[in-house]
Amino acid sequence: MVQLAFALQSYEDPLSAAMAHTTEYDPLILHANSDHKISFLCVLPDDAHEGDIISLSATHLAARNARYFVTYTLKQADLEQSTIILAFDKVTCSDDYVLQMMLHGLHATLKDSAQFDVSVNAFKCGYVSDDPTPLALTKSLSFRQYLSSFSSSFLSFF
């Protein structure tokens, strides 16, 4: 499990990949487990509130849309713990990505964001679907997902 935070962590924190990444300028190396998942322990910032949405996306360096994406609406219990666990499911291949963590507040306003260069390593040959039909988008994007995707694309320009 990799710890991600919006602010830099201390050197003494053994789980803090953000500090090592920022100071060494090397990509984070993420390994999928045997369930083809990558788990993240996300440290919440002080300005997080109940009902805010935290999102995590991984976008290939040559792509515009996120390959892996997960969102979560914060609850009071999450704020009391000051951390949440997010995971990318069905990791299919090994490659380099830009990982973006964003916190959206009331009316989908962007409150905080952090960006990391990551190298994802799939478990063995990666996740393979049992369904012979190609994956298709089965539901339309919600307004919040659209704004989150737009924010991610906008921040990638900088």
C-alpha atoms as a PDB file:
ATOM      1  CA  MET A   1       0.000   0.000   0.000  1.00  0.00           C
ATOM      2  CA  VAL A   2       1.284   3.439  -0.934  1.00  0.00           C
ATOM      3  CA  GLN A   3       0.529   6.517   1.135  1.00  0.00           C
ATOM      4  CA  LEU A   4      -0.425   9.647  -0.812  1.00  0.00           C
ATOM      5  CA  ALA A   5      -0.951  13.111   0.633  1.00  0.00           C
ATOM      6  CA  PHE A   6      -1.732  16.555  -0.687  1.00  0.00           C
ATOM      7  CA  ALA A   7       1.118  17.994   1.408  1.00  0.00           C
ATOM      8  CA  LEU A   8       4.687  16.770   1.731  1.00  0.00           C
ATOM      9  CA  GLN A   9       5.258  14.172   4.414  1.00  0.00           C
ATOM     10  CA  SER A  10       8.211  13.836   6.736  1.00  0.00           C
ATOM     11  CA  TYR A  11      11.304  11.811   5.899  1.00  0.00           C
ATOM     12  CA  GLU A  12      10.716   9.617   8.962  1.00  0.00           C
ATOM     13  CA  ASP A  13       7.347   8.287   7.720  1.00  0.00           C
ATOM     14  CA  PRO A  14       8.090   4.872   6.155  1.00  0.00           C
ATOM     15  CA  LEU A  15       4.810   4.774   4.221  1.00  0.00           C
ATOM     16  CA  SER A  16       5.261   8.172   2.655  1.00  0.00           C
ATOM     17  CA  ALA A  17       5.897   7.697  -1.028  1.00  0.00           C
ATOM     18  CA  ALA A  18       5.025  11.329  -1.731  1.00  0.00           C
ATOM     19  CA  MET A  19       8.098  12.712   0.028  1.00  0.00           C
ATOM     20  CA  ALA A  20      10.519  10.264  -1.566  1.00  0.00           C
ATOM     21  CA  HIS A  21       8.957  10.903  -4.960  1.00  0.00           C
ATOM     22  CA  THR A  22       9.122  14.673  -4.648  1.00  0.00           C
ATOM     23  CA  THR A  23      12.697  14.843  -3.444  1.00  0.00           C
ATOM     24  CA  GLU A  24      14.212  12.224  -5.739  1.00  0.00           C
ATOM     25  CA  TYR A  25      12.268  13.047  -8.903  1.00  0.00           C
ATOM     26  CA  ASP A  26      11.856   9.367  -9.631  1.00  0.00           C
ATOM     27  CA  PRO A  27       8.503   7.842 -10.499  1.00  0.00           C
ATOM     28  CA  LEU A  28       6.632   5.928  -7.828  1.00  0.00           C
ATOM     29  CA  ILE A  29       6.696   2.231  -8.579  1.00  0.00           C
ATOM     30  CA  LEU A  30       3.330   0.609  -7.933  1.00  0.00           C
ATOM     31  CA  HIS A  31       2.812  -3.152  -7.963  1.00  0.00           C
ATOM     32  CA  ALA A  32      -0.610  -4.752  -8.420  1.00  0.00           C
ATOM     33  CA  ASN A  33      -1.396  -7.597  -6.037  1.00  0.00           C
ATOM     34  CA  SER A  34      -2.677 -11.047  -7.026  1.00  0.00           C
ATOM     35  CA  ASP A  35      -6.235  -9.644  -7.177  1.00  0.00           C
ATOM     36  CA  HIS A  36      -4.990  -7.159  -9.824  1.00  0.00           C
ATOM     37  CA  LYS A  37      -5.500  -4.200  -7.456  1.00  0.00           C
ATOM     38  CA  ILE A  38      -3.322  -1.331  -6.353  1.00  0.00           C
ATOM     39  CA  SER A  39      -4.301   0.173  -2.990  1.00  0.00           C
ATOM     40  CA  PHE A  40      -3.601   3.706  -1.811  1.00  0.00           C
ATOM     41  CA  LEU A  41      -3.797   5.148   1.690  1.00  0.00           C
ATOM     42  CA  CYS A  42      -4.867   8.755   1.051  1.00  0.00           C
ATOM     43  CA  VAL A  43      -4.195  11.297   3.803  1.00  0.00           C
ATOM     44  CA  LEU A  44      -6.976  13.870   3.921  1.00  0.00           C
ATOM     45  CA  PRO A  45      -6.095  17.568   4.092  1.00  0.00           C
ATOM     46  CA  ASP A  46      -7.301  19.799   6.920  1.00  0.00           C
ATOM     47  CA  ASP A  47      -9.849  21.522   4.661  1.00  0.00           C
ATOM     48  CA  ALA A  48     -11.714  18.277   3.830  1.00  0.00           C
ATOM     49  CA  HIS A  49     -15.373  18.181   4.849  1.00  0.00           C
ATOM     50  CA  GLU A  50     -18.132  15.595   4.928  1.00  0.00           C
ATOM     51  CA  GLY A  51     -19.636  15.263   1.448  1.00  0.00           C
ATOM     52  CA  ASP A  52     -16.448  16.296  -0.380  1.00  0.00           C
ATOM     53  CA  ILE A  53     -15.348  13.953  -3.147  1.00  0.00           C
ATOM     54  CA  ILE A  54     -11.829  12.642  -3.478  1.00  0.00           C
ATOM     55  CA  SER A  55     -10.781  11.183  -6.813  1.00  0.00           C
ATOM     56  CA  LEU A  56      -7.740   9.317  -7.978  1.00  0.00           C
ATOM     57  CA  SER A  57      -6.918   8.872 -11.649  1.00  0.00           C
ATOM     58  CA  ALA A  58      -4.033   7.399 -13.613  1.00  0.00           C
ATOM     59  CA  THR A  59      -3.565   8.681 -17.145  1.00  0.00           C
ATOM     60  CA  HIS A  60      -1.075   7.241 -19.608  1.00  0.00           C
ATOM     61  CA  LEU A  61       1.567   9.759 -20.649  1.00  0.00           C
ATOM     62  CA  ALA A  62       0.348   9.756 -24.265  1.00  0.00           C
ATOM     63  CA  ALA A  63      -3.396   9.664 -23.521  1.00  0.00           C
ATOM     64  CA  ARG A  64      -6.045  12.213 -22.645  1.00  0.00           C
ATOM     65  CA  ASN A  65      -8.445  10.034 -20.650  1.00  0.00           C
ATOM     66  CA  ALA A  66      -7.692   8.234 -17.425  1.00  0.00           C
ATOM     67  CA  ARG A  67      -7.060   4.508 -17.690  1.00  0.00           C
ATOM     68  CA  TYR A  68      -7.819   3.943 -14.002  1.00  0.00           C
ATOM     69  CA  PHE A  69     -10.243   6.106 -12.056  1.00  0.00           C
ATOM     70  CA  VAL A  70     -11.894   5.933  -8.647  1.00  0.00           C
ATOM     71  CA  THR A  71     -13.961   8.433  -6.634  1.00  0.00           C
ATOM     72  CA  TYR A  72     -15.153   8.406  -3.055  1.00  0.00           C
ATOM     73  CA  THR A  73     -17.507  10.673  -1.092  1.00  0.00           C
ATOM     74  CA  LEU A  74     -16.107  11.499   2.337  1.00  0.00           C
ATOM     75  CA  LYS A  75     -18.052  10.623   5.477  1.00  0.00           C
ATOM     76  CA  GLN A  76     -17.626  11.950   9.015  1.00  0.00           C
ATOM     77  CA  ALA A  77     -15.865   8.727  10.078  1.00  0.00           C
ATOM     78  CA  ASP A  78     -13.282   9.271   7.314  1.00  0.00           C
ATOM     79  CA  LEU A  79     -12.573  12.774   8.593  1.00  0.00           C
ATOM     80  CA  GLU A  80     -12.073  11.458  12.117  1.00  0.00           C
ATOM     81  CA  GLN A  81      -9.544   8.894  10.849  1.00  0.00           C
ATOM     82  CA  SER A  82      -8.033  11.503   8.462  1.00  0.00           C
ATOM     83  CA  THR A  83      -7.272   8.751   5.924  1.00  0.00           C
ATOM     84  CA  ILE A  84      -9.146   6.669   3.380  1.00  0.00           C
ATOM     85  CA  ILE A  85      -8.190   3.697   1.260  1.00  0.00           C
ATOM     86  CA  LEU A  86      -8.768   3.855  -2.492  1.00  0.00           C
ATOM     87  CA  ALA A  87      -7.880   1.154  -5.014  1.00  0.00           C
ATOM     88  CA  PHE A  88      -7.514   0.704  -8.735  1.00  0.00           C
ATOM     89  CA  ASP A  89      -9.170  -2.567  -9.772  1.00  0.00           C
ATOM     90  CA  LYS A  90      -8.412  -4.754 -12.779  1.00  0.00           C
ATOM     91  CA  VAL A  91      -4.890  -3.524 -13.520  1.00  0.00           C
ATOM     92  CA  THR A  92      -4.319  -4.821 -17.034  1.00  0.00           C
ATOM     93  CA  CYS A  93      -0.806  -3.801 -18.055  1.00  0.00           C
ATOM     94  CA  SER A  94       2.498  -2.365 -16.915  1.00  0.00           C
ATOM     95  CA  ASP A  95       3.282   1.166 -18.070  1.00  0.00           C
ATOM     96  CA  ASP A  96       4.052   4.742 -16.967  1.00  0.00           C
ATOM     97  CA  TYR A  97       1.235   7.066 -15.877  1.00  0.00           C
ATOM     98  CA  VAL A  98       0.513  10.428 -14.319  1.00  0.00           C
ATOM     99  CA  LEU A  99      -1.384   9.885 -11.064  1.00  0.00           C
ATOM    100  CA  GLN A 100      -3.649  12.722  -9.949  1.00  0.00           C
ATOM    101  CA  MET A 101      -5.389  12.964  -6.598  1.00  0.00           C
ATOM    102  CA  MET A 102      -8.055  15.668  -6.340  1.00  0.00           C
ATOM    103  CA  LEU A 103     -10.432  16.859  -3.643  1.00  0.00           C
ATOM    104  CA  HIS A 104     -13.665  18.452  -4.853  1.00  0.00           C
ATOM    105  CA  GLY A 105     -15.870  20.415  -2.482  1.00  0.00           C
ATOM    106  CA  LEU A 106     -19.305  21.952  -2.670  1.00  0.00           C
ATOM    107  CA  HIS A 107     -20.579  22.438  -6.249  1.00  0.00           C
ATOM    108  CA  ALA A 108     -17.620  20.383  -7.554  1.00  0.00           C
ATOM    109  CA  THR A 109     -15.091  23.128  -6.833  1.00  0.00           C
ATOM    110  CA  LEU A 110     -11.486  21.924  -6.797  1.00  0.00           C
ATOM    111  CA  LYS A 111     -10.105  22.325  -3.274  1.00  0.00           C
ATOM    112  CA  ASP A 112      -6.802  20.423  -3.440  1.00  0.00           C
ATOM    113  CA  SER A 113      -4.815  18.429  -5.954  1.00  0.00           C
ATOM    114  CA  ALA A 114      -1.570  16.488  -6.125  1.00  0.00           C
ATOM    115  CA  GLN A 115       0.183  14.889  -9.061  1.00  0.00           C
ATOM    116  CA  PHE A 116       2.741  12.074  -9.171  1.00  0.00           C
ATOM    117  CA  ASP A 117       4.650  10.250 -11.898  1.00  0.00           C
ATOM    118  CA  VAL A 118       4.088   6.524 -11.442  1.00  0.00           C
ATOM    119  CA  SER A 119       5.224   3.303 -13.000  1.00  0.00           C
ATOM    120  CA  VAL A 120       2.532   0.626 -12.711  1.00  0.00           C
ATOM    121  CA  ASN A 121       3.493  -3.040 -12.705  1.00  0.00           C
ATOM    122  CA  ALA A 122       0.647  -5.451 -13.366  1.00  0.00           C
ATOM    123  CA  PHE A 123       0.520  -8.789 -11.565  1.00  0.00           C
ATOM    124  CA  LYS A 124       2.011 -11.404 -13.919  1.00  0.00           C
ATOM    125  CA  CYS A 125       0.364 -10.768 -17.327  1.00  0.00           C
ATOM    126  CA  GLY A 126      -2.264  -8.396 -15.932  1.00  0.00           C
ATOM    127  CA  TYR A 127      -6.011  -8.687 -15.518  1.00  0.00           C
ATOM    128  CA  VAL A 128      -7.803 -10.566 -18.294  1.00  0.00           C
ATOM    129  CA  SER A 129     -11.583 -10.372 -18.515  1.00  0.00           C
ATOM    130  CA  ASP A 130     -13.571 -13.605 -18.625  1.00  0.00           C
ATOM    131  CA  ASP A 131     -16.118 -11.861 -20.841  1.00  0.00           C
ATOM    132  CA  PRO A 132     -15.218 -12.359 -24.539  1.00  0.00           C
ATOM    133  CA  THR A 133     -16.964  -9.115 -25.558  1.00  0.00           C
ATOM    134  CA  PRO A 134     -14.907  -5.928 -25.431  1.00  0.00           C
ATOM    135  CA  LEU A 135     -15.332  -3.644 -22.473  1.00  0.00           C
ATOM    136  CA  ALA A 136     -17.911  -0.961 -23.117  1.00  0.00           C
ATOM    137  CA  LEU A 137     -18.968   2.043 -21.128  1.00  0.00           C
ATOM    138  CA  THR A 138     -22.223   0.858 -19.601  1.00  0.00           C
ATOM    139  CA  LYS A 139     -23.359   4.059 -17.972  1.00  0.00           C
ATOM    140  CA  SER A 140     -22.985   7.694 -18.761  1.00  0.00           C
ATOM    141  CA  LEU A 141     -20.640   9.826 -16.740  1.00  0.00           C
ATOM    142  CA  SER A 142     -22.201  11.724 -13.883  1.00  0.00           C
ATOM    143  CA  PHE A 143     -21.760  15.459 -13.695  1.00  0.00           C
ATOM    144  CA  ARG A 144     -19.191  15.146 -10.886  1.00  0.00           C
ATOM    145  CA  GLN A 145     -17.201  12.541 -12.813  1.00  0.00           C
ATOM    146  CA  TYR A 146     -17.265  14.809 -15.859  1.00  0.00           C
ATOM    147  CA  LEU A 147     -15.992  17.781 -13.831  1.00  0.00           C
ATOM    148  CA  SER A 148     -13.344  15.632 -12.189  1.00  0.00           C
ATOM    149  CA  SER A 149     -12.173  14.378 -15.575  1.00  0.00           C
ATOM    150  CA  PHE A 150     -12.185  17.936 -16.903  1.00  0.00           C
ATOM    151  CA  SER A 151     -10.168  19.149 -13.897  1.00  0.00           C
ATOM    152  CA  SER A 152      -7.682  16.341 -14.422  1.00  0.00           C
ATOM    153  CA  SER A 153      -7.261  17.258 -18.085  1.00  0.00           C
ATOM    154  CA  PHE A 154      -6.972  20.949 -17.271  1.00  0.00           C
ATOM    155  CA  LEU A 155      -4.297  20.358 -14.616  1.00  0.00           C
ATOM    156  CA  SER A 156      -2.303  18.160 -16.969  1.00  0.00           C
ATOM    157  CA  PHE A 157      -1.641  21.195 -19.158  1.00  0.00           C
ATOM    158  CA  PHE A 158       0.409  22.705 -16.330  1.00  0.00           C
END
